[in-house]
């Protein structure tokens, strides 16, 4: 049992061309799966569907065999976006942003390097790397079973990338959290993932993205150096 996409297709209103068509795969608890695809082929759209932000035009998303739309309250599937400044309320202080995830482990806050004085600041008063640490902590709040990491460290410096991935992998291992990591970097996915899937889009024919392969990756549980 886990997070499953069954024959998922999706089109945006007003567009003739489908973004996704017949995509099926599953992510088990504790598994770290990498997702690769060309730009514009529906990676983020697929993550939005898996996290419940969008409804598929066809097919369905199941969480432990139960349709995602039937689940009430805070979803056990949490998404971490590439641009953290777009994922927080600019009018909230960071303490309130953290509270969206429910009770947060103080040890997690410490390992992410979140300083006490940052809690009373607004998002505009923090750097992108500092903001993303809060987004990770919020996503790892109570009840989280799956993390969808959509290019979450692509815009960050190498030191912050390493810190964030190391903490996330440690927490995932400790709590049995499944991770879907979206990235253009094969080197990153090779380091952090135990398997990979690929969406392929035939640009010349205008076909929607479909799942073309699933392979094993060499991800280890050791320290991550970018």
C-alpha atoms as a PDB file:
ATOM      1  CA  UNK A   1       0.000   0.000   0.000  1.00  0.00           C
ATOM      2  CA  UNK A   2       1.188   3.522  -0.678  1.00  0.00           C
ATOM      3  CA  UNK A   3       0.594   6.446  -3.017  1.00  0.00           C
ATOM      4  CA  UNK A   4      -0.675   5.250  -6.386  1.00  0.00           C
ATOM      5  CA  UNK A   5      -1.502   6.926  -9.689  1.00  0.00           C
ATOM      6  CA  UNK A   6      -3.840   4.834 -11.857  1.00  0.00           C
ATOM      7  CA  UNK A   7      -4.108   5.761 -15.554  1.00  0.00           C
ATOM      8  CA  UNK A   8      -3.956   9.485 -14.782  1.00  0.00           C
ATOM      9  CA  UNK A   9      -4.663  11.929 -17.613  1.00  0.00           C
ATOM     10  CA  UNK A  10      -4.907  15.692 -17.359  1.00  0.00           C
ATOM     11  CA  UNK A  11      -5.603  18.726 -19.557  1.00  0.00           C
ATOM     12  CA  UNK A  12      -5.746  22.382 -18.605  1.00  0.00           C
ATOM     13  CA  UNK A  13      -8.985  24.209 -19.520  1.00  0.00           C
ATOM     14  CA  UNK A  14      -8.812  25.922 -22.897  1.00  0.00           C
ATOM     15  CA  UNK A  15      -5.929  23.817 -24.159  1.00  0.00           C
ATOM     16  CA  UNK A  16      -6.487  21.192 -26.820  1.00  0.00           C
ATOM     17  CA  UNK A  17      -3.405  19.210 -25.967  1.00  0.00           C
ATOM     18  CA  UNK A  18      -3.321  16.941 -22.910  1.00  0.00           C
ATOM     19  CA  UNK A  19      -0.464  17.362 -20.441  1.00  0.00           C
ATOM     20  CA  UNK A  20      -0.529  13.796 -19.093  1.00  0.00           C
ATOM     21  CA  UNK A  21      -2.090  10.646 -20.460  1.00  0.00           C
ATOM     22  CA  UNK A  22      -2.425   7.202 -18.868  1.00  0.00           C
ATOM     23  CA  UNK A  23       0.274   7.695 -16.229  1.00  0.00           C
ATOM     24  CA  UNK A  24       0.432   4.870 -13.686  1.00  0.00           C
ATOM     25  CA  UNK A  25       2.956   4.168 -10.924  1.00  0.00           C
ATOM     26  CA  UNK A  26       3.138   3.658  -7.188  1.00  0.00           C
ATOM     27  CA  UNK A  27       5.324   5.042  -4.404  1.00  0.00           C
ATOM     28  CA  UNK A  28       5.647   2.953  -1.259  1.00  0.00           C
ATOM     29  CA  UNK A  29       6.276   4.238   2.246  1.00  0.00           C
ATOM     30  CA  UNK A  30      10.003   4.535   2.821  1.00  0.00           C
ATOM     31  CA  UNK A  31      10.766   4.448  -0.912  1.00  0.00           C
ATOM     32  CA  UNK A  32      12.727   7.256  -2.578  1.00  0.00           C
ATOM     33  CA  UNK A  33      11.676   7.577  -6.213  1.00  0.00           C
ATOM     34  CA  UNK A  34      13.194  10.035  -8.700  1.00  0.00           C
ATOM     35  CA  UNK A  35      11.138  11.566 -11.503  1.00  0.00           C
ATOM     36  CA  UNK A  36      12.815  12.847 -14.658  1.00  0.00           C
ATOM     37  CA  UNK A  37      11.259  14.422 -17.736  1.00  0.00           C
ATOM     38  CA  UNK A  38      11.908  17.175 -20.281  1.00  0.00           C
ATOM     39  CA  UNK A  39      10.885  20.711 -19.317  1.00  0.00           C
ATOM     40  CA  UNK A  40       7.197  21.348 -19.854  1.00  0.00           C
ATOM     41  CA  UNK A  41       6.235  17.684 -19.916  1.00  0.00           C
ATOM     42  CA  UNK A  42       4.021  17.683 -16.833  1.00  0.00           C
ATOM     43  CA  UNK A  43       6.277  16.893 -13.850  1.00  0.00           C
ATOM     44  CA  UNK A  44       4.893  19.661 -11.656  1.00  0.00           C
ATOM     45  CA  UNK A  45       1.350  18.993 -12.866  1.00  0.00           C
ATOM     46  CA  UNK A  46       1.703  15.358 -11.845  1.00  0.00           C
ATOM     47  CA  UNK A  47       2.931  16.410  -8.404  1.00  0.00           C
ATOM     48  CA  UNK A  48       0.006  18.810  -8.023  1.00  0.00           C
ATOM     49  CA  UNK A  49      -2.393  15.961  -8.835  1.00  0.00           C
ATOM     50  CA  UNK A  50      -0.667  13.607  -6.384  1.00  0.00           C
ATOM     51  CA  UNK A  51      -0.899  16.278  -3.659  1.00  0.00           C
ATOM     52  CA  UNK A  52      -4.576  16.976  -4.314  1.00  0.00           C
ATOM     53  CA  UNK A  53      -4.189  20.473  -5.771  1.00  0.00           C
ATOM     54  CA  UNK A  54      -5.613  19.315  -9.103  1.00  0.00           C
ATOM     55  CA  UNK A  55      -8.107  16.593 -10.038  1.00  0.00           C
ATOM     56  CA  UNK A  56      -7.214  14.309 -12.947  1.00  0.00           C
ATOM     57  CA  UNK A  57      -9.422  14.392 -16.037  1.00  0.00           C
ATOM     58  CA  UNK A  58      -9.285  10.600 -16.030  1.00  0.00           C
ATOM     59  CA  UNK A  59      -7.856   7.994 -13.690  1.00  0.00           C
ATOM     60  CA  UNK A  60      -7.422   8.377  -9.961  1.00  0.00           C
ATOM     61  CA  UNK A  61      -4.986   8.826  -7.087  1.00  0.00           C
ATOM     62  CA  UNK A  62      -5.101   6.342  -4.225  1.00  0.00           C
ATOM     63  CA  UNK A  63      -3.548   6.626  -0.779  1.00  0.00           C
ATOM     64  CA  UNK A  64      -3.297   3.209   0.856  1.00  0.00           C
ATOM     65  CA  UNK A  65      -6.049   2.050  -1.496  1.00  0.00           C
ATOM     66  CA  UNK A  66      -8.385   4.937  -0.673  1.00  0.00           C
ATOM     67  CA  UNK A  67      -9.269   7.702  -3.187  1.00  0.00           C
ATOM     68  CA  UNK A  68      -7.340  10.840  -2.298  1.00  0.00           C
ATOM     69  CA  UNK A  69     -10.403  13.085  -2.527  1.00  0.00           C
ATOM     70  CA  UNK A  70     -12.089  11.143   0.275  1.00  0.00           C
ATOM     71  CA  UNK A  71      -9.421  12.076   2.804  1.00  0.00           C
ATOM     72  CA  UNK A  72     -10.292  15.004   5.056  1.00  0.00           C
ATOM     73  CA  UNK A  73      -8.045  17.303   7.039  1.00  0.00           C
ATOM     74  CA  UNK A  74      -4.328  17.691   6.452  1.00  0.00           C
ATOM     75  CA  UNK A  75      -3.256  15.336   3.685  1.00  0.00           C
ATOM     76  CA  UNK A  76      -0.446  12.862   4.438  1.00  0.00           C
ATOM     77  CA  UNK A  77       0.948  13.854   1.004  1.00  0.00           C
ATOM     78  CA  UNK A  78       2.885  17.118   1.190  1.00  0.00           C
ATOM     79  CA  UNK A  79       4.542  19.042  -1.635  1.00  0.00           C
ATOM     80  CA  UNK A  80       7.719  21.122  -1.407  1.00  0.00           C
ATOM     81  CA  UNK A  81       7.924  23.637  -4.243  1.00  0.00           C
ATOM     82  CA  UNK A  82      10.944  24.971  -6.111  1.00  0.00           C
ATOM     83  CA  UNK A  83      10.213  28.587  -5.160  1.00  0.00           C
ATOM     84  CA  UNK A  84       9.531  28.781  -1.405  1.00  0.00           C
ATOM     85  CA  UNK A  85       8.530  32.450  -1.555  1.00  0.00           C
ATOM     86  CA  UNK A  86       5.469  31.376  -3.554  1.00  0.00           C
ATOM     87  CA  UNK A  87       4.519  28.683  -1.047  1.00  0.00           C
ATOM     88  CA  UNK A  88       4.093  30.831   2.064  1.00  0.00           C
ATOM     89  CA  UNK A  89       1.688  33.589   3.028  1.00  0.00           C
ATOM     90  CA  UNK A  90       3.716  36.832   2.800  1.00  0.00           C
ATOM     91  CA  UNK A  91       1.623  38.398   5.582  1.00  0.00           C
ATOM     92  CA  UNK A  92       2.358  35.678   8.122  1.00  0.00           C
ATOM     93  CA  UNK A  93       5.325  35.526  10.427  1.00  0.00           C
ATOM     94  CA  UNK A  94       7.323  32.345  10.049  1.00  0.00           C
ATOM     95  CA  UNK A  95       6.136  30.938  13.367  1.00  0.00           C
ATOM     96  CA  UNK A  96       2.597  30.847  11.963  1.00  0.00           C
ATOM     97  CA  UNK A  97       3.825  29.311   8.692  1.00  0.00           C
ATOM     98  CA  UNK A  98       5.358  26.462  10.691  1.00  0.00           C
ATOM     99  CA  UNK A  99       2.117  25.940  12.594  1.00  0.00           C
ATOM    100  CA  UNK A 100       0.349  25.025   9.337  1.00  0.00           C
ATOM    101  CA  UNK A 101       2.096  21.659   9.547  1.00  0.00           C
ATOM    102  CA  UNK A 102       0.840  20.955  13.050  1.00  0.00           C
ATOM    103  CA  UNK A 103       3.243  20.054  15.820  1.00  0.00           C
ATOM    104  CA  UNK A 104       6.846  20.164  14.621  1.00  0.00           C
ATOM    105  CA  UNK A 105       9.707  18.263  16.216  1.00  0.00           C
ATOM    106  CA  UNK A 106      12.120  20.761  17.850  1.00  0.00           C
ATOM    107  CA  UNK A 107      14.965  18.466  16.878  1.00  0.00           C
ATOM    108  CA  UNK A 108      14.000  18.798  13.221  1.00  0.00           C
ATOM    109  CA  UNK A 109      14.009  22.587  13.538  1.00  0.00           C
ATOM    110  CA  UNK A 110      17.493  22.414  15.032  1.00  0.00           C
ATOM    111  CA  UNK A 111      18.856  20.050  12.364  1.00  0.00           C
ATOM    112  CA  UNK A 112      17.554  22.313   9.611  1.00  0.00           C
ATOM    113  CA  UNK A 113      19.475  25.208  11.130  1.00  0.00           C
ATOM    114  CA  UNK A 114      16.372  27.342  11.716  1.00  0.00           C
ATOM    115  CA  UNK A 115      17.262  30.105  14.165  1.00  0.00           C
ATOM    116  CA  UNK A 116      14.930  31.210  16.922  1.00  0.00           C
ATOM    117  CA  UNK A 117      14.966  34.830  15.732  1.00  0.00           C
ATOM    118  CA  UNK A 118      13.727  33.787  12.267  1.00  0.00           C
ATOM    119  CA  UNK A 119      10.403  32.651  13.737  1.00  0.00           C
ATOM    120  CA  UNK A 120       9.259  36.239  14.245  1.00  0.00           C
ATOM    121  CA  UNK A 121      10.262  37.423  10.783  1.00  0.00           C
ATOM    122  CA  UNK A 122       8.153  37.756   7.652  1.00  0.00           C
ATOM    123  CA  UNK A 123       9.031  35.708   4.521  1.00  0.00           C
ATOM    124  CA  UNK A 124      10.425  38.813   2.785  1.00  0.00           C
ATOM    125  CA  UNK A 125      13.014  39.115   5.552  1.00  0.00           C
ATOM    126  CA  UNK A 126      14.554  35.703   4.857  1.00  0.00           C
ATOM    127  CA  UNK A 127      16.650  34.302   2.023  1.00  0.00           C
ATOM    128  CA  UNK A 128      15.397  31.587  -0.305  1.00  0.00           C
ATOM    129  CA  UNK A 129      17.455  28.959   1.508  1.00  0.00           C
ATOM    130  CA  UNK A 130      16.154  30.052   4.906  1.00  0.00           C
ATOM    131  CA  UNK A 131      12.571  30.016   3.625  1.00  0.00           C
ATOM    132  CA  UNK A 132      12.963  26.558   2.132  1.00  0.00           C
ATOM    133  CA  UNK A 133      14.073  25.197   5.504  1.00  0.00           C
ATOM    134  CA  UNK A 134      10.756  26.341   6.952  1.00  0.00           C
ATOM    135  CA  UNK A 135       8.860  24.768   4.045  1.00  0.00           C
ATOM    136  CA  UNK A 136      10.638  21.448   4.658  1.00  0.00           C
ATOM    137  CA  UNK A 137       9.855  21.580   8.389  1.00  0.00           C
ATOM    138  CA  UNK A 138       6.206  22.404   7.668  1.00  0.00           C
ATOM    139  CA  UNK A 139       5.927  19.566   5.141  1.00  0.00           C
ATOM    140  CA  UNK A 140       7.368  17.126   7.693  1.00  0.00           C
ATOM    141  CA  UNK A 141       4.667  17.985  10.212  1.00  0.00           C
ATOM    142  CA  UNK A 142       2.505  15.456  12.016  1.00  0.00           C
ATOM    143  CA  UNK A 143       0.978  12.713   9.911  1.00  0.00           C
ATOM    144  CA  UNK A 144       3.086  13.174   6.772  1.00  0.00           C
ATOM    145  CA  UNK A 145       3.603   9.903   4.899  1.00  0.00           C
ATOM    146  CA  UNK A 146       4.835  11.158   1.502  1.00  0.00           C
ATOM    147  CA  UNK A 147       6.898  14.147   0.352  1.00  0.00           C
ATOM    148  CA  UNK A 148       6.808  15.420  -3.246  1.00  0.00           C
ATOM    149  CA  UNK A 149      10.022  17.386  -3.733  1.00  0.00           C
ATOM    150  CA  UNK A 150       9.623  19.384  -6.952  1.00  0.00           C
ATOM    151  CA  UNK A 151      13.102  20.733  -7.770  1.00  0.00           C
ATOM    152  CA  UNK A 152      13.124  21.895  -4.159  1.00  0.00           C
ATOM    153  CA  UNK A 153      16.853  22.720  -3.978  1.00  0.00           C
ATOM    154  CA  UNK A 154      17.472  23.753  -7.596  1.00  0.00           C
ATOM    155  CA  UNK A 155      17.699  27.472  -6.742  1.00  0.00           C
ATOM    156  CA  UNK A 156      19.836  27.069  -3.595  1.00  0.00           C
ATOM    157  CA  UNK A 157      23.584  27.125  -2.954  1.00  0.00           C
ATOM    158  CA  UNK A 158      25.395  23.806  -2.667  1.00  0.00           C
ATOM    159  CA  UNK A 159      25.839  23.947   1.106  1.00  0.00           C
ATOM    160  CA  UNK A 160      22.124  24.536   1.691  1.00  0.00           C
ATOM    161  CA  UNK A 161      21.225  21.846  -0.851  1.00  0.00           C
ATOM    162  CA  UNK A 162      23.325  19.293   1.006  1.00  0.00           C
ATOM    163  CA  UNK A 163      21.892  20.264   4.392  1.00  0.00           C
ATOM    164  CA  UNK A 164      18.274  20.098   3.260  1.00  0.00           C
ATOM    165  CA  UNK A 165      18.628  16.756   1.492  1.00  0.00           C
ATOM    166  CA  UNK A 166      20.554  15.214   4.353  1.00  0.00           C
ATOM    167  CA  UNK A 167      17.916  16.215   6.902  1.00  0.00           C
ATOM    168  CA  UNK A 168      15.059  15.096   4.663  1.00  0.00           C
ATOM    169  CA  UNK A 169      16.617  11.682   4.005  1.00  0.00           C
ATOM    170  CA  UNK A 170      17.333  11.153   7.699  1.00  0.00           C
ATOM    171  CA  UNK A 171      13.752  12.053   8.637  1.00  0.00           C
ATOM    172  CA  UNK A 172      12.335   9.878   5.848  1.00  0.00           C
ATOM    173  CA  UNK A 173      14.367   6.911   7.033  1.00  0.00           C
ATOM    174  CA  UNK A 174      13.366   7.485  10.667  1.00  0.00           C
ATOM    175  CA  UNK A 175       9.643   7.913   9.963  1.00  0.00           C
ATOM    176  CA  UNK A 176       9.223   5.672   6.911  1.00  0.00           C
ATOM    177  CA  UNK A 177       8.263   8.577   4.650  1.00  0.00           C
ATOM    178  CA  UNK A 178       8.135   8.011   0.894  1.00  0.00           C
ATOM    179  CA  UNK A 179       9.774  10.634  -1.336  1.00  0.00           C
ATOM    180  CA  UNK A 180       9.113  11.521  -4.957  1.00  0.00           C
ATOM    181  CA  UNK A 181      12.074  13.679  -6.000  1.00  0.00           C
ATOM    182  CA  UNK A 182      11.648  15.699  -9.206  1.00  0.00           C
ATOM    183  CA  UNK A 183      14.867  16.946 -10.772  1.00  0.00           C
ATOM    184  CA  UNK A 184      16.718  17.487 -14.037  1.00  0.00           C
ATOM    185  CA  UNK A 185      19.900  16.362 -12.280  1.00  0.00           C
ATOM    186  CA  UNK A 186      20.625  12.687 -12.834  1.00  0.00           C
ATOM    187  CA  UNK A 187      23.550  12.954 -10.404  1.00  0.00           C
ATOM    188  CA  UNK A 188      21.258  14.162  -7.610  1.00  0.00           C
ATOM    189  CA  UNK A 189      18.663  11.456  -8.214  1.00  0.00           C
ATOM    190  CA  UNK A 190      21.404   8.813  -8.311  1.00  0.00           C
ATOM    191  CA  UNK A 191      22.564   9.951  -4.863  1.00  0.00           C
ATOM    192  CA  UNK A 192      19.231  10.265  -3.083  1.00  0.00           C
ATOM    193  CA  UNK A 193      16.853   7.796  -4.771  1.00  0.00           C
ATOM    194  CA  UNK A 194      16.414   4.038  -4.728  1.00  0.00           C
ATOM    195  CA  UNK A 195      14.548   4.028  -8.058  1.00  0.00           C
ATOM    196  CA  UNK A 196      13.670   6.321 -10.961  1.00  0.00           C
ATOM    197  CA  UNK A 197      10.777   6.829 -13.325  1.00  0.00           C
ATOM    198  CA  UNK A 198      10.761   8.880 -16.507  1.00  0.00           C
ATOM    199  CA  UNK A 199       8.035  10.793 -18.295  1.00  0.00           C
ATOM    200  CA  UNK A 200       8.583  11.062 -22.029  1.00  0.00           C
ATOM    201  CA  UNK A 201       7.039  13.594 -24.378  1.00  0.00           C
ATOM    202  CA  UNK A 202       7.200  13.354 -28.163  1.00  0.00           C
ATOM    203  CA  UNK A 203       7.350  17.047 -28.955  1.00  0.00           C
ATOM    204  CA  UNK A 204       7.208  16.624 -32.698  1.00  0.00           C
ATOM    205  CA  UNK A 205       3.907  14.763 -32.619  1.00  0.00           C
ATOM    206  CA  UNK A 206       2.433  16.866 -29.835  1.00  0.00           C
ATOM    207  CA  UNK A 207       1.680  13.804 -27.732  1.00  0.00           C
ATOM    208  CA  UNK A 208       1.101  14.150 -23.969  1.00  0.00           C
ATOM    209  CA  UNK A 209       3.610  12.870 -21.438  1.00  0.00           C
ATOM    210  CA  UNK A 210       3.405   9.195 -20.567  1.00  0.00           C
ATOM    211  CA  UNK A 211       5.408   7.048 -18.197  1.00  0.00           C
ATOM    212  CA  UNK A 212       8.025   5.234 -20.250  1.00  0.00           C
ATOM    213  CA  UNK A 213      10.317   3.482 -17.799  1.00  0.00           C
ATOM    214  CA  UNK A 214      11.107   2.634 -14.214  1.00  0.00           C
ATOM    215  CA  UNK A 215      14.669   1.782 -13.235  1.00  0.00           C
ATOM    216  CA  UNK A 216      16.670   1.137 -10.097  1.00  0.00           C
ATOM    217  CA  UNK A 217      18.970   3.845  -8.759  1.00  0.00           C
ATOM    218  CA  UNK A 218      21.954   3.644  -6.457  1.00  0.00           C
ATOM    219  CA  UNK A 219      20.794   5.921  -3.646  1.00  0.00           C
ATOM    220  CA  UNK A 220      22.525   5.310  -0.345  1.00  0.00           C
ATOM    221  CA  UNK A 221      21.643   6.316   3.201  1.00  0.00           C
ATOM    222  CA  UNK A 222      24.999   7.952   3.788  1.00  0.00           C
ATOM    223  CA  UNK A 223      25.942  11.602   3.757  1.00  0.00           C
ATOM    224  CA  UNK A 224      24.899  13.652   0.722  1.00  0.00           C
ATOM    225  CA  UNK A 225      27.538  15.858  -0.929  1.00  0.00           C
ATOM    226  CA  UNK A 226      26.383  17.975  -3.862  1.00  0.00           C
END
